[in-house]
């Protein structure tokens, strides 16, 4: 398992270094993602989940969505998910702020990729799964929120301040309020993602799955617009 762990982290760290050298702003989200992935893998290795093997599968399948969307964008594939296209194009223009780049990536990966990842891993067993096992799956999923929350300080220090040093002054004056806000938004998004995934798995058989996936991506795109202030400051209502 350690080789598998090093493989995914080595790939992330290698890309971050290359992007930093090229002044590619996509490194902002990926540096954060690598921090959280490392903490997740450590928790799995310590056996902290009800089903560590399932959480490991979740983590790696989730990462595959990120890398597939990235590869599609880099080769000019028109099928790249629209919400990821927004994030990558914003990074290319350098017009967005550090926190916006971070949230554009987090939004695409959580509000779109994560819902599909959950369906991929749960759909075949969900209908026949007893309620106690469903609760354990959900408990493991929710425990990730605690790992994310514990990583936020490192995101502030190792990611945000690296690209925007003035944020250190904000921290010194206002304390860790900004970290609390980031953690709260991500936790709320992940709660909605679980609800969306369950709704997808419990669709009537005559409902087109693609239509629901399109709706999920449309909701994520609304959040991208809010993050980029495309509808003015009032658009922040779409963030939560």
C-alpha atoms as a PDB file:
ATOM      1  CA  UNK A   1       0.000   0.000   0.000  1.00  0.00           C
ATOM      2  CA  UNK A   2       2.877   2.372   0.684  1.00  0.00           C
ATOM      3  CA  UNK A   3       4.001   2.208  -2.961  1.00  0.00           C
ATOM      4  CA  UNK A   4       0.459   3.062  -4.031  1.00  0.00           C
ATOM      5  CA  UNK A   5       0.431   5.948  -1.563  1.00  0.00           C
ATOM      6  CA  UNK A   6       3.736   7.285  -2.798  1.00  0.00           C
ATOM      7  CA  UNK A   7       2.645   6.919  -6.417  1.00  0.00           C
ATOM      8  CA  UNK A   8      -0.322   9.272  -6.179  1.00  0.00           C
ATOM      9  CA  UNK A   9       1.493  11.796  -3.972  1.00  0.00           C
ATOM     10  CA  UNK A  10       4.619  11.709  -6.126  1.00  0.00           C
ATOM     11  CA  UNK A  11       2.501  12.461  -9.178  1.00  0.00           C
ATOM     12  CA  UNK A  12       0.796  15.379  -7.428  1.00  0.00           C
ATOM     13  CA  UNK A  13       4.029  16.823  -6.033  1.00  0.00           C
ATOM     14  CA  UNK A  14       5.791  16.481  -9.387  1.00  0.00           C
ATOM     15  CA  UNK A  15       3.008  18.387 -11.127  1.00  0.00           C
ATOM     16  CA  UNK A  16       2.971  21.100  -8.451  1.00  0.00           C
ATOM     17  CA  UNK A  17       6.717  21.674  -8.848  1.00  0.00           C
ATOM     18  CA  UNK A  18       6.443  21.812 -12.647  1.00  0.00           C
ATOM     19  CA  UNK A  19       3.495  24.184 -12.494  1.00  0.00           C
ATOM     20  CA  UNK A  20       5.210  26.447  -9.969  1.00  0.00           C
ATOM     21  CA  UNK A  21       8.256  26.641 -12.242  1.00  0.00           C
ATOM     22  CA  UNK A  22       5.976  27.546 -15.156  1.00  0.00           C
ATOM     23  CA  UNK A  23       3.933  30.002 -13.027  1.00  0.00           C
ATOM     24  CA  UNK A  24       0.874  27.895 -13.745  1.00  0.00           C
ATOM     25  CA  UNK A  25      -1.774  28.832 -11.197  1.00  0.00           C
ATOM     26  CA  UNK A  26      -3.280  25.347 -11.245  1.00  0.00           C
ATOM     27  CA  UNK A  27      -0.621  24.498  -8.672  1.00  0.00           C
ATOM     28  CA  UNK A  28      -2.675  26.351  -6.028  1.00  0.00           C
ATOM     29  CA  UNK A  29      -5.496  23.815  -5.946  1.00  0.00           C
ATOM     30  CA  UNK A  30      -3.252  20.811  -6.509  1.00  0.00           C
ATOM     31  CA  UNK A  31      -0.905  21.766  -3.652  1.00  0.00           C
ATOM     32  CA  UNK A  32      -3.954  21.879  -1.370  1.00  0.00           C
ATOM     33  CA  UNK A  33      -5.290  18.612  -2.789  1.00  0.00           C
ATOM     34  CA  UNK A  34      -1.939  16.905  -2.208  1.00  0.00           C
ATOM     35  CA  UNK A  35      -1.908  18.016   1.440  1.00  0.00           C
ATOM     36  CA  UNK A  36      -5.369  16.606   2.030  1.00  0.00           C
ATOM     37  CA  UNK A  37      -4.603  13.425   0.101  1.00  0.00           C
ATOM     38  CA  UNK A  38      -1.517  12.822   2.230  1.00  0.00           C
ATOM     39  CA  UNK A  39      -3.511  13.254   5.446  1.00  0.00           C
ATOM     40  CA  UNK A  40      -6.242  10.975   4.131  1.00  0.00           C
ATOM     41  CA  UNK A  41      -3.771   8.235   3.258  1.00  0.00           C
ATOM     42  CA  UNK A  42      -2.177   8.512   6.689  1.00  0.00           C
ATOM     43  CA  UNK A  43      -5.570   8.114   8.362  1.00  0.00           C
ATOM     44  CA  UNK A  44      -6.293   5.063   6.215  1.00  0.00           C
ATOM     45  CA  UNK A  45      -2.952   3.499   7.106  1.00  0.00           C
ATOM     46  CA  UNK A  46      -3.736   4.055  10.807  1.00  0.00           C
ATOM     47  CA  UNK A  47      -7.047   2.216  10.318  1.00  0.00           C
ATOM     48  CA  UNK A  48      -9.242   5.104  11.460  1.00  0.00           C
ATOM     49  CA  UNK A  49     -12.282   4.303   9.288  1.00  0.00           C
ATOM     50  CA  UNK A  50     -14.962   1.628   9.574  1.00  0.00           C
ATOM     51  CA  UNK A  51     -13.928   0.317   6.153  1.00  0.00           C
ATOM     52  CA  UNK A  52     -10.435   1.491   5.310  1.00  0.00           C
ATOM     53  CA  UNK A  53     -10.309  -0.438   2.034  1.00  0.00           C
ATOM     54  CA  UNK A  54     -13.467   1.273   0.801  1.00  0.00           C
ATOM     55  CA  UNK A  55     -12.162   4.721   1.755  1.00  0.00           C
ATOM     56  CA  UNK A  56      -8.904   3.957  -0.065  1.00  0.00           C
ATOM     57  CA  UNK A  57     -10.882   3.041  -3.189  1.00  0.00           C
ATOM     58  CA  UNK A  58     -12.892   6.240  -2.798  1.00  0.00           C
ATOM     59  CA  UNK A  59      -9.748   8.347  -2.539  1.00  0.00           C
ATOM     60  CA  UNK A  60      -8.079   6.837  -5.609  1.00  0.00           C
ATOM     61  CA  UNK A  61     -11.211   6.773  -7.773  1.00  0.00           C
ATOM     62  CA  UNK A  62     -11.855  10.390  -6.794  1.00  0.00           C
ATOM     63  CA  UNK A  63      -8.327  11.347  -7.872  1.00  0.00           C
ATOM     64  CA  UNK A  64      -8.847   9.598 -11.208  1.00  0.00           C
ATOM     65  CA  UNK A  65     -11.681  12.024 -11.995  1.00  0.00           C
ATOM     66  CA  UNK A  66      -9.320  14.940 -11.383  1.00  0.00           C
ATOM     67  CA  UNK A  67      -6.530  13.527 -13.548  1.00  0.00           C
ATOM     68  CA  UNK A  68      -8.908  12.536 -16.360  1.00  0.00           C
ATOM     69  CA  UNK A  69     -10.372  16.041 -16.524  1.00  0.00           C
ATOM     70  CA  UNK A  70      -6.880  17.546 -16.431  1.00  0.00           C
ATOM     71  CA  UNK A  71      -5.596  15.296 -19.211  1.00  0.00           C
ATOM     72  CA  UNK A  72      -8.674  16.056 -21.312  1.00  0.00           C
ATOM     73  CA  UNK A  73      -8.143  19.800 -20.908  1.00  0.00           C
ATOM     74  CA  UNK A  74      -4.428  19.611 -21.716  1.00  0.00           C
ATOM     75  CA  UNK A  75      -5.017  17.704 -24.953  1.00  0.00           C
ATOM     76  CA  UNK A  76      -7.835  20.053 -26.016  1.00  0.00           C
ATOM     77  CA  UNK A  77     -10.587  17.475 -25.676  1.00  0.00           C
ATOM     78  CA  UNK A  78     -13.980  19.244 -26.000  1.00  0.00           C
ATOM     79  CA  UNK A  79     -15.478  16.658 -23.645  1.00  0.00           C
ATOM     80  CA  UNK A  80     -13.684  18.111 -20.608  1.00  0.00           C
ATOM     81  CA  UNK A  81     -16.316  18.828 -17.908  1.00  0.00           C
ATOM     82  CA  UNK A  82     -17.444  22.444 -18.176  1.00  0.00           C
ATOM     83  CA  UNK A  83     -16.839  23.168 -14.502  1.00  0.00           C
ATOM     84  CA  UNK A  84     -13.214  22.038 -14.848  1.00  0.00           C
ATOM     85  CA  UNK A  85     -12.806  24.070 -18.036  1.00  0.00           C
ATOM     86  CA  UNK A  86     -13.746  27.183 -16.058  1.00  0.00           C
ATOM     87  CA  UNK A  87     -11.148  26.393 -13.378  1.00  0.00           C
ATOM     88  CA  UNK A  88      -8.341  25.699 -15.854  1.00  0.00           C
ATOM     89  CA  UNK A  89      -9.122  28.720 -18.027  1.00  0.00           C
ATOM     90  CA  UNK A  90      -9.160  30.993 -14.976  1.00  0.00           C
ATOM     91  CA  UNK A  91      -5.703  29.695 -14.056  1.00  0.00           C
ATOM     92  CA  UNK A  92      -4.463  30.437 -17.583  1.00  0.00           C
ATOM     93  CA  UNK A  93      -5.591  34.082 -17.506  1.00  0.00           C
ATOM     94  CA  UNK A  94      -4.004  34.933 -14.119  1.00  0.00           C
ATOM     95  CA  UNK A  95      -6.888  37.349 -13.461  1.00  0.00           C
ATOM     96  CA  UNK A  96      -8.291  35.565 -10.412  1.00  0.00           C
ATOM     97  CA  UNK A  97      -7.060  35.779  -6.836  1.00  0.00           C
ATOM     98  CA  UNK A  98      -5.357  32.918  -5.013  1.00  0.00           C
ATOM     99  CA  UNK A  99      -8.438  32.027  -2.980  1.00  0.00           C
ATOM    100  CA  UNK A 100     -10.567  32.028  -6.132  1.00  0.00           C
ATOM    101  CA  UNK A 101      -8.225  29.564  -7.848  1.00  0.00           C
ATOM    102  CA  UNK A 102      -8.386  27.325  -4.799  1.00  0.00           C
ATOM    103  CA  UNK A 103     -12.169  27.400  -4.584  1.00  0.00           C
ATOM    104  CA  UNK A 104     -12.646  26.874  -8.324  1.00  0.00           C
ATOM    105  CA  UNK A 105     -10.720  23.610  -8.043  1.00  0.00           C
ATOM    106  CA  UNK A 106     -12.391  22.559  -4.809  1.00  0.00           C
ATOM    107  CA  UNK A 107     -15.813  23.322  -6.295  1.00  0.00           C
ATOM    108  CA  UNK A 108     -15.219  21.282  -9.450  1.00  0.00           C
ATOM    109  CA  UNK A 109     -13.698  18.364  -7.610  1.00  0.00           C
ATOM    110  CA  UNK A 110     -16.222  18.162  -4.780  1.00  0.00           C
ATOM    111  CA  UNK A 111     -19.495  19.372  -6.237  1.00  0.00           C
ATOM    112  CA  UNK A 112     -19.085  17.508  -9.532  1.00  0.00           C
ATOM    113  CA  UNK A 113     -16.418  14.786  -9.335  1.00  0.00           C
ATOM    114  CA  UNK A 114     -17.222  13.562  -5.841  1.00  0.00           C
ATOM    115  CA  UNK A 115     -20.904  12.969  -6.549  1.00  0.00           C
ATOM    116  CA  UNK A 116     -20.017  10.788  -9.540  1.00  0.00           C
ATOM    117  CA  UNK A 117     -17.295   8.994  -7.577  1.00  0.00           C
ATOM    118  CA  UNK A 118     -19.757   8.040  -4.847  1.00  0.00           C
ATOM    119  CA  UNK A 119     -22.251   6.727  -7.386  1.00  0.00           C
ATOM    120  CA  UNK A 120     -19.547   4.695  -9.141  1.00  0.00           C
ATOM    121  CA  UNK A 121     -18.558   2.987  -5.877  1.00  0.00           C
ATOM    122  CA  UNK A 122     -21.947   2.631  -4.201  1.00  0.00           C
ATOM    123  CA  UNK A 123     -24.531   2.126  -6.941  1.00  0.00           C
ATOM    124  CA  UNK A 124     -24.082  -1.626  -7.351  1.00  0.00           C
ATOM    125  CA  UNK A 125     -24.520  -2.343  -3.644  1.00  0.00           C
ATOM    126  CA  UNK A 126     -26.758   0.489  -2.468  1.00  0.00           C
ATOM    127  CA  UNK A 127     -30.187  -1.038  -3.084  1.00  0.00           C
ATOM    128  CA  UNK A 128     -29.343  -4.237  -1.207  1.00  0.00           C
ATOM    129  CA  UNK A 129     -27.193  -2.612   1.472  1.00  0.00           C
ATOM    130  CA  UNK A 130     -28.671  -2.849   5.002  1.00  0.00           C
ATOM    131  CA  UNK A 131     -29.208   0.464   6.774  1.00  0.00           C
ATOM    132  CA  UNK A 132     -26.411  -0.124   9.334  1.00  0.00           C
ATOM    133  CA  UNK A 133     -23.882  -0.487   6.504  1.00  0.00           C
ATOM    134  CA  UNK A 134     -25.242   2.615   4.771  1.00  0.00           C
ATOM    135  CA  UNK A 135     -24.727   4.498   8.026  1.00  0.00           C
ATOM    136  CA  UNK A 136     -21.153   3.218   8.259  1.00  0.00           C
ATOM    137  CA  UNK A 137     -20.446   4.347   4.697  1.00  0.00           C
ATOM    138  CA  UNK A 138     -21.853   7.760   5.531  1.00  0.00           C
ATOM    139  CA  UNK A 139     -19.890   7.935   8.802  1.00  0.00           C
ATOM    140  CA  UNK A 140     -16.635   7.204   6.954  1.00  0.00           C
ATOM    141  CA  UNK A 141     -17.552   9.845   4.381  1.00  0.00           C
ATOM    142  CA  UNK A 142     -18.272  12.404   7.116  1.00  0.00           C
ATOM    143  CA  UNK A 143     -15.035  11.620   8.949  1.00  0.00           C
ATOM    144  CA  UNK A 144     -13.228  13.071   5.947  1.00  0.00           C
ATOM    145  CA  UNK A 145     -14.670  16.442   6.987  1.00  0.00           C
ATOM    146  CA  UNK A 146     -12.624  16.227  10.199  1.00  0.00           C
ATOM    147  CA  UNK A 147      -9.472  15.462   8.222  1.00  0.00           C
ATOM    148  CA  UNK A 148     -10.165  18.396   5.905  1.00  0.00           C
ATOM    149  CA  UNK A 149     -10.734  20.699   8.889  1.00  0.00           C
ATOM    150  CA  UNK A 150      -7.460  19.605  10.475  1.00  0.00           C
ATOM    151  CA  UNK A 151      -5.658  20.333   7.185  1.00  0.00           C
ATOM    152  CA  UNK A 152      -6.976  23.869   6.723  1.00  0.00           C
ATOM    153  CA  UNK A 153      -4.271  25.539   8.831  1.00  0.00           C
ATOM    154  CA  UNK A 154      -1.633  23.887   6.646  1.00  0.00           C
ATOM    155  CA  UNK A 155      -3.510  25.037   3.538  1.00  0.00           C
ATOM    156  CA  UNK A 156      -3.397  28.582   4.879  1.00  0.00           C
ATOM    157  CA  UNK A 157       0.305  28.430   5.759  1.00  0.00           C
ATOM    158  CA  UNK A 158       1.684  26.230   2.969  1.00  0.00           C
ATOM    159  CA  UNK A 159      -0.605  27.128   0.079  1.00  0.00           C
ATOM    160  CA  UNK A 160      -2.473  30.417   0.348  1.00  0.00           C
ATOM    161  CA  UNK A 161       0.327  32.426   1.960  1.00  0.00           C
ATOM    162  CA  UNK A 162       2.837  30.955  -0.498  1.00  0.00           C
ATOM    163  CA  UNK A 163       0.968  32.564  -3.378  1.00  0.00           C
ATOM    164  CA  UNK A 164      -0.446  35.573  -1.486  1.00  0.00           C
ATOM    165  CA  UNK A 165       1.910  36.512   1.386  1.00  0.00           C
ATOM    166  CA  UNK A 166      -0.396  39.322   2.542  1.00  0.00           C
ATOM    167  CA  UNK A 167      -2.806  36.674   3.856  1.00  0.00           C
ATOM    168  CA  UNK A 168      -0.368  36.143   6.717  1.00  0.00           C
ATOM    169  CA  UNK A 169      -1.099  39.681   7.872  1.00  0.00           C
ATOM    170  CA  UNK A 170      -4.836  38.963   7.750  1.00  0.00           C
ATOM    171  CA  UNK A 171      -4.279  35.897   9.928  1.00  0.00           C
ATOM    172  CA  UNK A 172      -2.248  37.855  12.446  1.00  0.00           C
ATOM    173  CA  UNK A 173      -4.988  40.454  12.809  1.00  0.00           C
ATOM    174  CA  UNK A 174      -8.161  38.383  12.568  1.00  0.00           C
ATOM    175  CA  UNK A 175      -7.023  34.969  13.780  1.00  0.00           C
ATOM    176  CA  UNK A 176      -8.161  31.751  12.080  1.00  0.00           C
ATOM    177  CA  UNK A 177     -11.642  32.925  11.074  1.00  0.00           C
ATOM    178  CA  UNK A 178     -10.819  32.422   7.391  1.00  0.00           C
ATOM    179  CA  UNK A 179      -9.864  28.786   7.970  1.00  0.00           C
ATOM    180  CA  UNK A 180     -13.126  28.184   9.794  1.00  0.00           C
ATOM    181  CA  UNK A 181     -15.064  29.697   6.880  1.00  0.00           C
ATOM    182  CA  UNK A 182     -13.234  27.527   4.309  1.00  0.00           C
ATOM    183  CA  UNK A 183     -13.850  24.383   6.354  1.00  0.00           C
ATOM    184  CA  UNK A 184     -17.533  25.253   6.833  1.00  0.00           C
ATOM    185  CA  UNK A 185     -18.124  25.793   3.112  1.00  0.00           C
ATOM    186  CA  UNK A 186     -16.386  22.528   2.160  1.00  0.00           C
ATOM    187  CA  UNK A 187     -18.305  20.579   4.821  1.00  0.00           C
ATOM    188  CA  UNK A 188     -21.616  21.977   3.589  1.00  0.00           C
ATOM    189  CA  UNK A 189     -20.724  21.156  -0.012  1.00  0.00           C
ATOM    190  CA  UNK A 190     -19.831  17.590   0.927  1.00  0.00           C
ATOM    191  CA  UNK A 191     -23.162  17.181   2.739  1.00  0.00           C
ATOM    192  CA  UNK A 192     -24.989  18.254  -0.411  1.00  0.00           C
ATOM    193  CA  UNK A 193     -22.855  15.949  -2.542  1.00  0.00           C
ATOM    194  CA  UNK A 194     -23.849  12.927  -0.445  1.00  0.00           C
ATOM    195  CA  UNK A 195     -27.512  13.922  -0.857  1.00  0.00           C
ATOM    196  CA  UNK A 196     -27.031  14.311  -4.623  1.00  0.00           C
ATOM    197  CA  UNK A 197     -25.308  10.934  -4.904  1.00  0.00           C
ATOM    198  CA  UNK A 198     -28.071   9.180  -2.964  1.00  0.00           C
ATOM    199  CA  UNK A 199     -30.665  10.903  -5.150  1.00  0.00           C
ATOM    200  CA  UNK A 200     -28.827   9.658  -8.251  1.00  0.00           C
ATOM    201  CA  UNK A 201     -28.755   6.088  -6.954  1.00  0.00           C
ATOM    202  CA  UNK A 202     -32.431   6.144  -6.045  1.00  0.00           C
ATOM    203  CA  UNK A 203     -33.706   7.543  -9.330  1.00  0.00           C
ATOM    204  CA  UNK A 204     -36.763   5.887 -10.855  1.00  0.00           C
ATOM    205  CA  UNK A 205     -35.635   3.498 -13.583  1.00  0.00           C
ATOM    206  CA  UNK A 206     -37.251   5.620 -16.299  1.00  0.00           C
ATOM    207  CA  UNK A 207     -35.175   8.713 -15.349  1.00  0.00           C
ATOM    208  CA  UNK A 208     -32.194   9.585 -17.534  1.00  0.00           C
ATOM    209  CA  UNK A 209     -29.056   9.604 -15.379  1.00  0.00           C
ATOM    210  CA  UNK A 210     -27.356  12.005 -17.800  1.00  0.00           C
ATOM    211  CA  UNK A 211     -30.041  14.604 -17.153  1.00  0.00           C
ATOM    212  CA  UNK A 212     -29.348  14.509 -13.416  1.00  0.00           C
ATOM    213  CA  UNK A 213     -25.576  14.669 -13.971  1.00  0.00           C
ATOM    214  CA  UNK A 214     -26.148  17.737 -16.160  1.00  0.00           C
ATOM    215  CA  UNK A 215     -28.151  19.325 -13.353  1.00  0.00           C
ATOM    216  CA  UNK A 216     -25.384  18.590 -10.811  1.00  0.00           C
ATOM    217  CA  UNK A 217     -22.809  20.202 -13.086  1.00  0.00           C
ATOM    218  CA  UNK A 218     -25.081  23.199 -13.637  1.00  0.00           C
ATOM    219  CA  UNK A 219     -25.198  23.735  -9.867  1.00  0.00           C
ATOM    220  CA  UNK A 220     -21.397  23.535  -9.712  1.00  0.00           C
ATOM    221  CA  UNK A 221     -21.134  26.050 -12.567  1.00  0.00           C
ATOM    222  CA  UNK A 222     -23.348  28.458 -10.616  1.00  0.00           C
ATOM    223  CA  UNK A 223     -20.850  28.239  -7.799  1.00  0.00           C
ATOM    224  CA  UNK A 224     -17.990  28.882 -10.234  1.00  0.00           C
ATOM    225  CA  UNK A 225     -19.771  32.052 -11.330  1.00  0.00           C
ATOM    226  CA  UNK A 226     -20.150  33.073  -7.700  1.00  0.00           C
ATOM    227  CA  UNK A 227     -16.465  32.431  -6.971  1.00  0.00           C
ATOM    228  CA  UNK A 228     -15.482  34.593  -9.964  1.00  0.00           C
ATOM    229  CA  UNK A 229     -18.003  37.339  -9.036  1.00  0.00           C
ATOM    230  CA  UNK A 230     -19.626  36.975 -12.457  1.00  0.00           C
ATOM    231  CA  UNK A 231     -22.967  38.005 -10.999  1.00  0.00           C
ATOM    232  CA  UNK A 232     -21.567  40.518  -8.521  1.00  0.00           C
ATOM    233  CA  UNK A 233     -21.109  40.021  -4.797  1.00  0.00           C
ATOM    234  CA  UNK A 234     -24.758  38.928  -4.457  1.00  0.00           C
ATOM    235  CA  UNK A 235     -23.823  35.744  -6.309  1.00  0.00           C
ATOM    236  CA  UNK A 236     -22.177  34.469  -3.125  1.00  0.00           C
ATOM    237  CA  UNK A 237     -25.590  33.077  -2.190  1.00  0.00           C
ATOM    238  CA  UNK A 238     -24.718  30.175  -4.511  1.00  0.00           C
ATOM    239  CA  UNK A 239     -21.683  29.178  -2.456  1.00  0.00           C
ATOM    240  CA  UNK A 240     -23.607  27.443   0.311  1.00  0.00           C
END
